[in-house]
N, C-alpha and C. Protein backbone atom coordinates (compact mmCIF):
# COMPACT_ATOMS: atom_id res chain seq x y z
N MET A 1 27.34 165.94 -27.90
CA MET A 1 26.86 166.65 -29.06
C MET A 1 25.53 166.01 -29.46
N ILE A 2 24.60 166.84 -29.81
CA ILE A 2 23.25 166.36 -30.14
C ILE A 2 23.00 166.58 -31.64
N PHE A 3 22.56 165.50 -32.29
CA PHE A 3 22.21 165.55 -33.71
C PHE A 3 20.77 165.08 -33.85
N ASP A 4 20.16 165.36 -34.99
CA ASP A 4 18.77 164.91 -35.20
C ASP A 4 18.68 163.55 -35.89
N GLY A 5 19.77 162.85 -35.99
CA GLY A 5 19.78 161.52 -36.59
C GLY A 5 21.18 160.95 -36.56
N THR A 6 21.35 159.80 -37.23
CA THR A 6 22.67 159.19 -37.30
C THR A 6 23.32 159.54 -38.64
N PRO A 7 24.64 159.47 -38.74
CA PRO A 7 25.29 159.72 -40.01
C PRO A 7 24.84 158.68 -41.03
N GLY A 8 24.73 159.10 -42.27
CA GLY A 8 24.32 158.22 -43.33
C GLY A 8 24.41 158.90 -44.68
N PRO A 9 23.82 158.31 -45.71
CA PRO A 9 23.86 158.92 -47.05
C PRO A 9 23.32 160.36 -47.06
N GLU A 10 22.31 160.62 -46.24
CA GLU A 10 21.82 161.98 -46.09
C GLU A 10 22.25 162.45 -44.71
N SER A 11 23.07 163.47 -44.67
CA SER A 11 23.67 163.88 -43.42
C SER A 11 22.66 164.30 -42.37
N CYS A 12 22.97 163.99 -41.13
CA CYS A 12 22.16 164.45 -40.01
C CYS A 12 22.51 165.91 -39.72
N ARG A 13 21.67 166.58 -38.97
CA ARG A 13 21.91 167.98 -38.63
C ARG A 13 22.33 168.11 -37.18
N PHE A 14 23.24 169.04 -36.96
CA PHE A 14 23.71 169.38 -35.62
C PHE A 14 22.61 170.15 -34.91
N VAL A 15 22.36 169.78 -33.63
CA VAL A 15 21.34 170.46 -32.84
C VAL A 15 22.00 171.35 -31.77
N GLU A 16 22.76 170.74 -30.87
CA GLU A 16 23.46 171.50 -29.84
C GLU A 16 24.43 170.60 -29.11
N VAL A 17 25.19 171.22 -28.18
CA VAL A 17 26.10 170.50 -27.30
C VAL A 17 25.57 170.67 -25.89
N GLU A 18 25.49 169.55 -25.15
CA GLU A 18 25.02 169.58 -23.76
C GLU A 18 26.07 169.00 -22.84
N ASN A 19 26.03 169.46 -21.60
CA ASN A 19 26.90 168.87 -20.58
C ASN A 19 26.20 167.64 -19.99
N ASP A 20 26.80 166.99 -18.97
CA ASP A 20 26.21 165.79 -18.39
C ASP A 20 24.85 166.04 -17.72
N ALA A 21 24.58 167.30 -17.37
CA ALA A 21 23.29 167.65 -16.71
C ALA A 21 22.23 167.98 -17.76
N GLY A 22 22.59 167.89 -19.04
CA GLY A 22 21.62 168.19 -20.10
C GLY A 22 21.48 169.66 -20.41
N GLU A 23 22.39 170.47 -19.87
CA GLU A 23 22.35 171.92 -20.10
C GLU A 23 23.17 172.23 -21.36
N GLY A 24 22.69 173.23 -22.10
CA GLY A 24 23.39 173.67 -23.30
C GLY A 24 24.76 174.23 -22.94
N VAL A 25 25.74 174.03 -23.77
CA VAL A 25 27.10 174.52 -23.53
C VAL A 25 27.33 175.69 -24.49
N ARG A 26 27.93 176.75 -23.96
CA ARG A 26 28.21 177.92 -24.79
C ARG A 26 29.35 177.56 -25.76
N MET A 27 29.12 177.88 -27.04
CA MET A 27 30.11 177.52 -28.07
C MET A 27 29.98 178.45 -29.25
N GLU A 28 30.93 178.39 -30.17
CA GLU A 28 30.87 179.17 -31.39
C GLU A 28 31.66 178.45 -32.48
N TRP A 29 31.22 178.63 -33.71
CA TRP A 29 31.97 178.13 -34.87
C TRP A 29 33.00 179.20 -35.25
N THR A 30 34.21 178.75 -35.50
CA THR A 30 35.32 179.68 -35.86
C THR A 30 35.96 179.18 -37.15
N GLU A 31 36.06 180.08 -38.13
CA GLU A 31 36.74 179.73 -39.38
C GLU A 31 38.24 179.82 -39.18
N ARG A 32 38.94 178.77 -39.56
CA ARG A 32 40.41 178.72 -39.41
C ARG A 32 41.07 179.26 -40.67
N PRO A 33 42.33 179.67 -40.56
CA PRO A 33 43.04 180.19 -41.73
C PRO A 33 43.20 179.19 -42.85
N ASP A 34 43.15 177.87 -42.52
CA ASP A 34 43.30 176.84 -43.55
C ASP A 34 41.99 176.50 -44.26
N GLY A 35 40.89 177.24 -43.93
CA GLY A 35 39.63 177.01 -44.61
C GLY A 35 38.69 176.07 -43.88
N TYR A 36 39.20 175.33 -42.90
CA TYR A 36 38.33 174.45 -42.12
C TYR A 36 37.63 175.27 -41.04
N TRP A 37 36.66 174.67 -40.39
CA TRP A 37 35.90 175.31 -39.29
C TRP A 37 36.12 174.48 -38.04
N SER A 38 36.22 175.18 -36.88
CA SER A 38 36.33 174.50 -35.61
C SER A 38 35.17 174.92 -34.72
N LEU A 39 34.76 174.02 -33.83
CA LEU A 39 33.70 174.33 -32.90
C LEU A 39 34.36 174.61 -31.56
N ARG A 40 34.25 175.84 -31.07
CA ARG A 40 34.91 176.27 -29.84
C ARG A 40 33.92 176.26 -28.69
N PHE A 41 34.30 175.57 -27.61
CA PHE A 41 33.47 175.51 -26.42
C PHE A 41 33.98 176.52 -25.41
N HIS A 42 33.08 177.24 -24.76
CA HIS A 42 33.43 178.28 -23.79
C HIS A 42 33.06 177.82 -22.38
N GLY A 43 33.59 178.52 -21.41
CA GLY A 43 33.18 178.29 -20.03
C GLY A 43 34.22 177.65 -19.17
N ASP A 44 35.25 177.10 -19.74
CA ASP A 44 36.34 176.50 -18.98
C ASP A 44 37.58 177.33 -19.26
N ASP A 45 38.08 178.00 -18.25
CA ASP A 45 39.23 178.90 -18.44
C ASP A 45 40.45 178.17 -19.00
N GLU A 46 40.66 176.94 -18.56
CA GLU A 46 41.81 176.17 -19.08
C GLU A 46 41.64 175.85 -20.56
N ILE A 47 40.44 175.46 -20.94
CA ILE A 47 40.17 175.19 -22.36
C ILE A 47 40.32 176.49 -23.18
N ASP A 48 39.74 177.59 -22.68
CA ASP A 48 39.84 178.86 -23.37
C ASP A 48 41.26 179.29 -23.54
N ALA A 49 42.10 179.16 -22.48
CA ALA A 49 43.51 179.55 -22.55
C ALA A 49 44.26 178.68 -23.56
N SER A 50 43.98 177.38 -23.55
CA SER A 50 44.63 176.47 -24.47
C SER A 50 44.24 176.79 -25.92
N TYR A 51 42.96 177.09 -26.12
CA TYR A 51 42.46 177.45 -27.46
C TYR A 51 43.16 178.73 -27.96
N GLU A 52 43.21 179.75 -27.10
CA GLU A 52 43.84 181.00 -27.48
C GLU A 52 45.30 180.80 -27.84
N ALA A 53 46.00 179.99 -27.07
CA ALA A 53 47.42 179.72 -27.36
C ALA A 53 47.55 179.00 -28.71
N GLY A 54 46.69 178.04 -28.96
CA GLY A 54 46.72 177.33 -30.23
C GLY A 54 46.40 178.27 -31.41
N GLU A 55 45.40 179.15 -31.24
CA GLU A 55 45.07 180.11 -32.27
C GLU A 55 46.25 181.04 -32.55
N ALA A 56 46.94 181.48 -31.49
CA ALA A 56 48.08 182.37 -31.67
C ALA A 56 49.19 181.65 -32.42
N ARG A 57 49.47 180.39 -32.09
CA ARG A 57 50.48 179.64 -32.83
C ARG A 57 50.08 179.47 -34.29
N GLU A 58 48.82 179.21 -34.56
CA GLU A 58 48.35 179.03 -35.92
C GLU A 58 48.49 180.34 -36.72
N ARG A 59 48.12 181.46 -36.08
CA ARG A 59 48.28 182.76 -36.74
C ARG A 59 49.73 183.05 -37.08
N GLU A 60 50.63 182.76 -36.12
CA GLU A 60 52.05 182.98 -36.34
C GLU A 60 52.57 182.12 -37.49
N ARG A 61 52.09 180.89 -37.56
CA ARG A 61 52.51 179.97 -38.61
C ARG A 61 52.07 180.49 -39.96
N TRP A 62 50.82 180.95 -40.06
CA TRP A 62 50.31 181.47 -41.33
C TRP A 62 51.00 182.79 -41.71
N GLN A 63 51.29 183.63 -40.72
CA GLN A 63 51.98 184.89 -41.00
C GLN A 63 53.40 184.62 -41.51
N ALA A 64 54.07 183.64 -40.91
CA ALA A 64 55.43 183.29 -41.36
C ALA A 64 55.38 182.75 -42.77
N ARG A 65 54.39 181.91 -43.07
CA ARG A 65 54.25 181.39 -44.45
C ARG A 65 53.96 182.50 -45.45
N GLU A 66 53.12 183.46 -45.04
CA GLU A 66 52.83 184.60 -45.91
C GLU A 66 54.09 185.40 -46.18
N SER A 67 54.91 185.63 -45.14
CA SER A 67 56.17 186.35 -45.33
C SER A 67 57.09 185.60 -46.28
N ASP A 68 57.17 184.28 -46.11
CA ASP A 68 58.01 183.46 -47.00
C ASP A 68 57.54 183.58 -48.46
N LEU A 69 56.23 183.53 -48.68
CA LEU A 69 55.71 183.62 -50.03
C LEU A 69 55.97 185.01 -50.64
N LEU A 70 55.79 186.04 -49.84
CA LEU A 70 56.07 187.40 -50.35
C LEU A 70 57.56 187.56 -50.71
N ARG A 71 58.42 186.97 -49.91
CA ARG A 71 59.87 187.02 -50.20
C ARG A 71 60.15 186.29 -51.49
N GLU A 72 59.53 185.13 -51.70
CA GLU A 72 59.71 184.37 -52.94
C GLU A 72 59.23 185.17 -54.14
N ILE A 73 58.09 185.84 -54.01
CA ILE A 73 57.57 186.66 -55.10
C ILE A 73 58.53 187.79 -55.43
N ARG A 74 59.06 188.47 -54.41
CA ARG A 74 60.04 189.54 -54.67
C ARG A 74 61.26 188.99 -55.38
N ASP A 75 61.76 187.83 -54.95
CA ASP A 75 62.93 187.24 -55.59
C ASP A 75 62.66 186.88 -57.06
N LEU A 76 61.46 186.31 -57.30
CA LEU A 76 61.10 185.97 -58.68
C LEU A 76 60.97 187.22 -59.56
N ASN A 77 60.39 188.26 -59.01
CA ASN A 77 60.28 189.52 -59.74
C ASN A 77 61.66 190.10 -60.09
N ALA A 78 62.60 189.96 -59.17
CA ALA A 78 63.95 190.41 -59.42
C ALA A 78 64.60 189.61 -60.56
N VAL A 79 64.39 188.31 -60.56
CA VAL A 79 64.94 187.43 -61.61
C VAL A 79 64.31 187.83 -62.94
N ILE A 80 63.00 188.02 -62.96
CA ILE A 80 62.33 188.43 -64.21
C ILE A 80 62.87 189.73 -64.71
N ALA A 81 63.09 190.71 -63.84
CA ALA A 81 63.64 192.00 -64.26
C ALA A 81 65.03 191.84 -64.83
N ARG A 82 65.86 190.98 -64.23
CA ARG A 82 67.24 190.76 -64.75
C ARG A 82 67.20 190.09 -66.12
N VAL A 83 66.31 189.14 -66.28
CA VAL A 83 66.18 188.44 -67.58
C VAL A 83 65.73 189.43 -68.66
N LYS A 84 64.73 190.26 -68.32
CA LYS A 84 64.24 191.25 -69.28
C LYS A 84 65.34 192.22 -69.66
N ALA A 85 66.13 192.66 -68.66
CA ALA A 85 67.21 193.60 -68.90
C ALA A 85 68.28 192.95 -69.79
N ALA A 86 68.58 191.69 -69.55
CA ALA A 86 69.60 191.02 -70.30
C ALA A 86 69.20 190.70 -71.75
N THR A 87 67.89 190.52 -71.95
CA THR A 87 67.41 190.17 -73.28
C THR A 87 66.81 191.36 -74.01
N GLY A 88 66.77 192.50 -73.33
CA GLY A 88 66.22 193.69 -73.97
C GLY A 88 64.71 193.66 -74.09
N SER A 89 64.05 192.78 -73.34
CA SER A 89 62.57 192.68 -73.36
C SER A 89 61.99 193.82 -72.53
N ALA A 90 60.79 194.23 -72.92
CA ALA A 90 60.14 195.33 -72.18
C ALA A 90 59.25 194.80 -71.09
């Protein structure tokens, strides 16, 4: 990875990623569901396959969490409706 300086009080800037021959490597920044960013390198089928599998697992994990949260919201709404009915609240 190539930067324009060393880490310090004023951050250095990212320039590019090179292989051992000094050639630029194809890559992209990807926003993750947790709000962080990852730098994805392309060109190696094994790395690409591993990345895709990891992304699929991460998506499944977030979808399962979303389903759990929606279920909890429905349950809480049901409790609220029962309390309102029992107390005569509108």
